[in-house]
C-alpha atoms as a PDB file:
ATOM      1  CA  MET A   1      -7.905   1.293   9.394  1.00  0.00           C
ATOM      2  CA  ARG A   2      -7.042   3.804   7.930  1.00  0.00           C
ATOM      3  CA  VAL A   3      -6.332   5.718  11.478  1.00  0.00           C
ATOM      4  CA  GLU A   4      -4.092   2.660  12.920  1.00  0.00           C
ATOM      5  CA  ARG A   5      -2.280   3.082   8.947  1.00  0.00           C
ATOM      6  CA  ILE A   6      -1.449   6.323   9.646  1.00  0.00           C
ATOM      7  CA  ILE A   7       0.099   5.994  12.669  1.00  0.00           C
ATOM      8  CA  ASN A   8       1.662   2.526  11.697  1.00  0.00           C
ATOM      9  CA  LYS A   9       3.397   4.998   9.175  1.00  0.00           C
ATOM     10  CA  ARG A  10       4.610   7.582  11.295  1.00  0.00           C
ATOM     11  CA  GLN A  11       6.621   4.906  13.454  1.00  0.00           C
ATOM     12  CA  GLU A  12       7.701   3.603  10.386  1.00  0.00           C
ATOM     13  CA  LEU A  13       9.209   7.270   9.042  1.00  0.00           C
ATOM     14  CA  VAL A  14      12.643   7.182  10.157  1.00  0.00           C
ATOM     15  CA  PRO A  15      16.226   6.332   8.187  1.00  0.00           C
ATOM     16  CA  GLY A  16      16.366   3.431   6.240  1.00  0.00           C
ATOM     17  CA  GLN A  17      18.922   2.007   4.140  1.00  0.00           C
ATOM     18  CA  ASN A  18      20.298   4.290   1.546  1.00  0.00           C
ATOM     19  CA  THR A  19      18.208   5.331  -1.490  1.00  0.00           C
ATOM     20  CA  ASP A  20      19.269   6.139  -4.693  1.00  0.00           C
ATOM     21  CA  THR A  21      17.699   9.882  -5.019  1.00  0.00           C
ATOM     22  CA  GLY A  22      19.484  10.362  -8.544  1.00  0.00           C
ATOM     23  CA  LEU A  23      16.157   8.519  -9.440  1.00  0.00           C
ATOM     24  CA  LEU A  24      14.401  11.517  -8.481  1.00  0.00           C
ATOM     25  CA  ASP A  25      16.392  13.814 -11.380  1.00  0.00           C
ATOM     26  CA  GLY A  26      13.687  13.280 -13.976  1.00  0.00           C
ATOM     27  CA  VAL A  27      10.856  14.576 -11.710  1.00  0.00           C
ATOM     28  CA  ILE A  28      12.834  17.238 -10.189  1.00  0.00           C
ATOM     29  CA  ARG A  29      13.577  18.622 -14.043  1.00  0.00           C
ATOM     30  CA  LYS A  30       9.566  18.238 -15.007  1.00  0.00           C
ATOM     31  CA  TYR A  31       8.674  19.774 -12.329  1.00  0.00           C
ATOM     32  CA  SER A  32      11.145  22.874 -11.219  1.00  0.00           C
ATOM     33  CA  GLY A  33       9.566  26.201 -10.843  1.00  0.00           C
ATOM     34  CA  LYS A  34       6.359  24.872 -11.012  1.00  0.00           C
ATOM     35  CA  ARG A  35       3.557  25.550  -8.759  1.00  0.00           C
ATOM     36  CA  GLY A  36       0.708  22.951  -7.712  1.00  0.00           C
ATOM     37  CA  ILE A  37       3.182  19.819  -8.097  1.00  0.00           C
ATOM     38  CA  MET A  38       2.942  18.533  -4.579  1.00  0.00           C
ATOM     39  CA  ILE A  39       0.489  15.717  -5.478  1.00  0.00           C
ATOM     40  CA  PRO A  40       1.809  14.766  -9.385  1.00  0.00           C
ATOM     41  CA  VAL A  41       5.373  15.035  -7.234  1.00  0.00           C
ATOM     42  CA  LEU A  42       4.730  12.313  -4.887  1.00  0.00           C
ATOM     43  CA  GLN A  43       2.523   9.621  -7.445  1.00  0.00           C
ATOM     44  CA  GLU A  44       5.689   9.873  -9.603  1.00  0.00           C
ATOM     45  CA  THR A  45       8.374   9.136  -6.560  1.00  0.00           C
ATOM     46  CA  GLN A  46       5.925   6.609  -5.235  1.00  0.00           C
ATOM     47  CA  LYS A  47       5.626   4.829  -8.677  1.00  0.00           C
ATOM     48  CA  ILE A  48      10.004   5.434  -9.023  1.00  0.00           C
ATOM     49  CA  TYR A  49      10.201   3.261  -5.422  1.00  0.00           C
ATOM     50  CA  GLY A  50       6.929   1.480  -5.098  1.00  0.00           C
ATOM     51  CA  TYR A  51       7.164   3.900  -1.408  1.00  0.00           C
ATOM     52  CA  LEU A  52       8.031   7.312  -0.347  1.00  0.00           C
ATOM     53  CA  PRO A  53      11.384   6.348   1.287  1.00  0.00           C
ATOM     54  CA  ARG A  54      12.388   9.532   3.692  1.00  0.00           C
ATOM     55  CA  GLU A  55      15.469  10.330   1.833  1.00  0.00           C
ATOM     56  CA  THR A  56      13.180  11.422  -1.285  1.00  0.00           C
ATOM     57  CA  PHE A  57      11.455  13.714   1.078  1.00  0.00           C
ATOM     58  CA  LEU A  58      14.354  15.669   1.926  1.00  0.00           C
ATOM     59  CA  ARG A  59      15.425  15.707  -2.083  1.00  0.00           C
ATOM     60  CA  LEU A  60      12.228  17.001  -2.879  1.00  0.00           C
ATOM     61  CA  SER A  61      12.224  19.571  -0.426  1.00  0.00           C
ATOM     62  CA  GLU A  62      15.620  21.253  -1.013  1.00  0.00           C
ATOM     63  CA  GLU A  63      15.307  20.811  -4.544  1.00  0.00           C
ATOM     64  CA  LEU A  64      11.688  21.756  -5.258  1.00  0.00           C
ATOM     65  CA  GLY A  65      11.218  24.356  -2.222  1.00  0.00           C
ATOM     66  CA  LEU A  66       8.391  21.642  -0.558  1.00  0.00           C
ATOM     67  CA  ASN A  67       7.674  21.874   3.324  1.00  0.00           C
ATOM     68  CA  LEU A  68       8.492  18.511   4.746  1.00  0.00           C
ATOM     69  CA  SER A  69       5.608  18.974   6.799  1.00  0.00           C
ATOM     70  CA  ASP A  70       3.001  19.872   4.050  1.00  0.00           C
ATOM     71  CA  MET A  71       4.499  16.870   1.822  1.00  0.00           C
ATOM     72  CA  TYR A  72       4.166  14.310   4.689  1.00  0.00           C
ATOM     73  CA  GLY A  73       0.571  15.807   5.974  1.00  0.00           C
ATOM     74  CA  VAL A  74      -0.365  14.637   2.215  1.00  0.00           C
ATOM     75  CA  ALA A  75       1.710  11.694   1.967  1.00  0.00           C
ATOM     76  CA  THR A  76      -0.450  10.320   5.308  1.00  0.00           C
ATOM     77  CA  PHE A  77      -3.749  12.004   4.221  1.00  0.00           C
ATOM     78  CA  TYR A  78      -4.092  10.680   0.979  1.00  0.00           C
ATOM     79  CA  ALA A  79      -4.489   6.444   1.120  1.00  0.00           C
ATOM     80  CA  GLN A  80      -2.632   6.057  -1.964  1.00  0.00           C
ATOM     81  CA  PHE A  81       0.565   6.776  -0.396  1.00  0.00           C
ATOM     82  CA  ARG A  82       2.838   4.818   1.532  1.00  0.00           C
ATOM     83  CA  LEU A  83       5.840   5.399   3.924  1.00  0.00           C
ATOM     84  CA  SER A  84       7.078   2.097   3.880  1.00  0.00           C
ATOM     85  CA  PRO A  85       7.412  -0.434   1.137  1.00  0.00           C
ATOM     86  CA  VAL A  86       4.392  -2.809   0.347  1.00  0.00           C
ATOM     87  CA  GLY A  87       4.671  -6.531  -1.055  1.00  0.00           C
ATOM     88  CA  ARG A  88       4.237  -7.723  -4.958  1.00  0.00           C
ATOM     89  CA  HIS A  89       0.540  -8.390  -4.360  1.00  0.00           C
ATOM     90  CA  ILE A  90      -1.266  -5.809  -2.148  1.00  0.00           C
ATOM     91  CA  ILE A  91      -4.231  -7.517  -0.730  1.00  0.00           C
ATOM     92  CA  ARG A  92      -7.765  -5.410  -0.486  1.00  0.00           C
ATOM     93  CA  VAL A  93     -10.140  -6.909   1.696  1.00  0.00           C
ATOM     94  CA  CYS A  94     -13.546  -5.019   1.409  1.00  0.00           C
ATOM     95  CA  HIS A  95     -15.354  -3.761   5.073  1.00  0.00           C
ATOM     96  CA  GLY A  96     -17.843  -1.911   3.022  1.00  0.00           C
ATOM     97  CA  THR A  97     -21.395  -2.108   4.166  1.00  0.00           C
ATOM     98  CA  ALA A  98     -21.946  -5.201   2.166  1.00  0.00           C
ATOM     99  CA  CYS A  99     -19.321  -7.118   2.477  1.00  0.00           C
ATOM    100  CA  HIS A 100     -19.076  -5.907   6.488  1.00  0.00           C
ATOM    101  CA  VAL A 101     -22.261  -7.760   7.162  1.00  0.00           C
ATOM    102  CA  GLN A 102     -21.071 -11.151   4.787  1.00  0.00           C
ATOM    103  CA  ASN A 103     -18.513 -10.954   7.506  1.00  0.00           C
ATOM    104  CA  ALA A 104     -15.969  -9.091   5.732  1.00  0.00           C
ATOM    105  CA  GLN A 105     -14.047  -9.508   9.251  1.00  0.00           C
ATOM    106  CA  GLY A 106     -14.086 -12.941   9.123  1.00  0.00           C
ATOM    107  CA  ILE A 107     -11.676 -13.046   5.650  1.00  0.00           C
ATOM    108  CA  THR A 108      -9.317 -10.191   7.393  1.00  0.00           C
ATOM    109  CA  ASP A 109      -9.256 -12.320  10.708  1.00  0.00           C
ATOM    110  CA  ALA A 110      -7.842 -15.680   9.043  1.00  0.00           C
ATOM    111  CA  LEU A 111      -5.701 -13.577   6.316  1.00  0.00           C
ATOM    112  CA  GLU A 112      -4.007 -11.832   9.015  1.00  0.00           C
ATOM    113  CA  GLU A 113      -3.571 -15.359  10.947  1.00  0.00           C
ATOM    114  CA  THR A 114      -2.200 -16.856   7.751  1.00  0.00           C
ATOM    115  CA  LEU A 115       0.222 -13.953   6.704  1.00  0.00           C
ATOM    116  CA  LYS A 116       1.109 -13.187  10.397  1.00  0.00           C
ATOM    117  CA  VAL A 117       0.150  -9.586   9.848  1.00  0.00           C
ATOM    118  CA  ALA A 118      -2.031  -6.910  10.931  1.00  0.00           C
ATOM    119  CA  ASP A 119      -3.876  -4.584   9.267  1.00  0.00           C
ATOM    120  CA  GLY A 120      -1.558  -2.910   6.851  1.00  0.00           C
ATOM    121  CA  GLY A 121       1.219  -4.691   7.462  1.00  0.00           C
ATOM    122  CA  THR A 122       3.354  -6.831   4.904  1.00  0.00           C
ATOM    123  CA  THR A 123       4.691 -10.364   5.303  1.00  0.00           C
ATOM    124  CA  ASP A 124       8.678 -10.839   5.766  1.00  0.00           C
ATOM    125  CA  ASP A 125       8.931 -12.349   2.551  1.00  0.00           C
ATOM    126  CA  GLY A 126       7.688  -8.892   0.999  1.00  0.00           C
ATOM    127  CA  MET A 127       5.272 -10.907  -1.128  1.00  0.00           C
ATOM    128  CA  PHE A 128       1.663  -9.823   0.756  1.00  0.00           C
ATOM    129  CA  THR A 129       0.915  -6.504   2.265  1.00  0.00           C
ATOM    130  CA  LEU A 130      -2.733  -6.994   3.332  1.00  0.00           C
ATOM    131  CA  GLU A 131      -4.791  -3.677   3.650  1.00  0.00           C
ATOM    132  CA  SER A 132      -8.979  -3.180   4.852  1.00  0.00           C
ATOM    133  CA  VAL A 133     -10.182  -0.793   2.345  1.00  0.00           C
ATOM    134  CA  ALA A 134     -14.063   0.964   2.537  1.00  0.00           C
ATOM    135  CA  CYS A 135     -15.240   0.078  -0.581  1.00  0.00           C
ATOM    136  CA  LEU A 136     -14.129  -1.767  -3.863  1.00  0.00           C
ATOM    137  CA  GLY A 137     -17.517  -0.896  -5.709  1.00  0.00           C
ATOM    138  CA  CYS A 138     -18.625  -4.639  -6.157  1.00  0.00           C
ATOM    139  CA  CYS A 139     -21.424  -5.444  -3.358  1.00  0.00           C
ATOM    140  CA  SER A 140     -22.811  -7.828  -5.214  1.00  0.00           C
ATOM    141  CA  LEU A 141     -19.684 -10.495  -4.519  1.00  0.00           C
ATOM    142  CA  ALA A 142     -20.085  -9.693  -1.474  1.00  0.00           C
ATOM    143  CA  PRO A 143     -17.884 -10.135   0.926  1.00  0.00           C
ATOM    144  CA  VAL A 144     -14.480  -9.689  -1.507  1.00  0.00           C
ATOM    145  CA  MET A 145     -11.007  -9.235  -2.069  1.00  0.00           C
ATOM    146  CA  MET A 146      -8.690  -8.096  -4.628  1.00  0.00           C
ATOM    147  CA  ILE A 147      -4.852  -9.057  -5.363  1.00  0.00           C
ATOM    148  CA  GLY A 148      -3.834  -6.781  -8.055  1.00  0.00           C
ATOM    149  CA  ASP A 149      -6.537  -6.312 -10.650  1.00  0.00           C
ATOM    150  CA  GLU A 150      -7.767  -9.951  -9.788  1.00  0.00           C
ATOM    151  CA  THR A 151     -10.982  -9.562  -7.670  1.00  0.00           C
ATOM    152  CA  TYR A 152     -12.489 -12.770  -5.505  1.00  0.00           C
ATOM    153  CA  GLY A 153     -15.921 -12.838  -4.503  1.00  0.00           C
ATOM    154  CA  LYS A 154     -18.455 -14.067  -2.183  1.00  0.00           C
ATOM    155  CA  LEU A 155     -15.579 -15.676   0.240  1.00  0.00           C
ATOM    156  CA  THR A 156     -14.985 -17.036   3.102  1.00  0.00           C
ATOM    157  CA  GLY A 157     -12.085 -16.988   5.418  1.00  0.00           C
ATOM    158  CA  LYS A 158     -10.980 -20.371   4.168  1.00  0.00           C
ATOM    159  CA  GLU A 159     -11.442 -19.852   0.954  1.00  0.00           C
ATOM    160  CA  ALA A 160      -9.109 -16.205   0.971  1.00  0.00           C
ATOM    161  CA  VAL A 161      -6.394 -18.189   2.680  1.00  0.00           C
ATOM    162  CA  LYS A 162      -6.614 -21.393   0.032  1.00  0.00           C
ATOM    163  CA  VAL A 163      -6.624 -18.191  -2.704  1.00  0.00           C
ATOM    164  CA  ILE A 164      -3.383 -17.101  -0.938  1.00  0.00           C
ATOM    165  CA  LYS A 165      -1.705 -20.323  -0.686  1.00  0.00           C
ATOM    166  CA  ASN A 166      -2.074 -20.922  -4.504  1.00  0.00           C
ATOM    167  CA  ILE A 167      -0.226 -17.428  -5.058  1.00  0.00           C
ATOM    168  CA  ARG A 168       2.527 -18.848  -3.224  1.00  0.00           C
ATOM    169  CA  ILE A 169       2.559 -22.377  -4.562  1.00  0.00           C
ATOM    170  CA  LYS A 170       2.843 -20.635  -8.273  1.00  0.00           C
ATOM    171  CA  GLU A 171       5.560 -18.363  -7.481  1.00  0.00           C
ATOM    172  CA  LYS A 172       7.323 -20.998  -6.103  1.00  0.00           C
ATOM    173  CA  LYS A 173       7.327 -22.579 -10.108  1.00  0.00           C
ATOM    174  CA  LEU A 174       7.807 -19.313 -11.297  1.00  0.00           C
ATOM    175  CA  PRO A 175      11.885 -19.103 -12.261  1.00  0.00           C
ATOM    176  CA  ILE A 176      13.870 -16.732 -10.433  1.00  0.00           C
END
């Protein structure tokens, strides 16, 4: 799960489209000259872009004197950081012990098949990112998944797919 996502992220850390690193000006001013800033700087950067684009590492390194390999090490160590864009909806499927014994893998398999993505992947339309997580703290609802702040419990693969389809239907009805 987590190890596979790190490997995929390393492959994705390549130059992409031009990122407006000017959006980092406020973060750079706020943390310039301070120590112990790596995690908050990365958190604020990710809040701006939704992930950590390659170009932001370069700018932060130049402006704040942060070591590129240290930043990359922190970004790949902590699950909160992303090196590639994520979907508008992040689907987290719990694979903790209670969910595992209640067939969480069946939910993940059904979602992977429906969304046509692997664990850690984002759909081509940018709507969903699928993640397996160690625990969501909802053991009494096992097996469980979360989409944003919404929790769905006592699921089957078929029910999880229905939730996804309903989100797609609802979003198609929203004005653009």
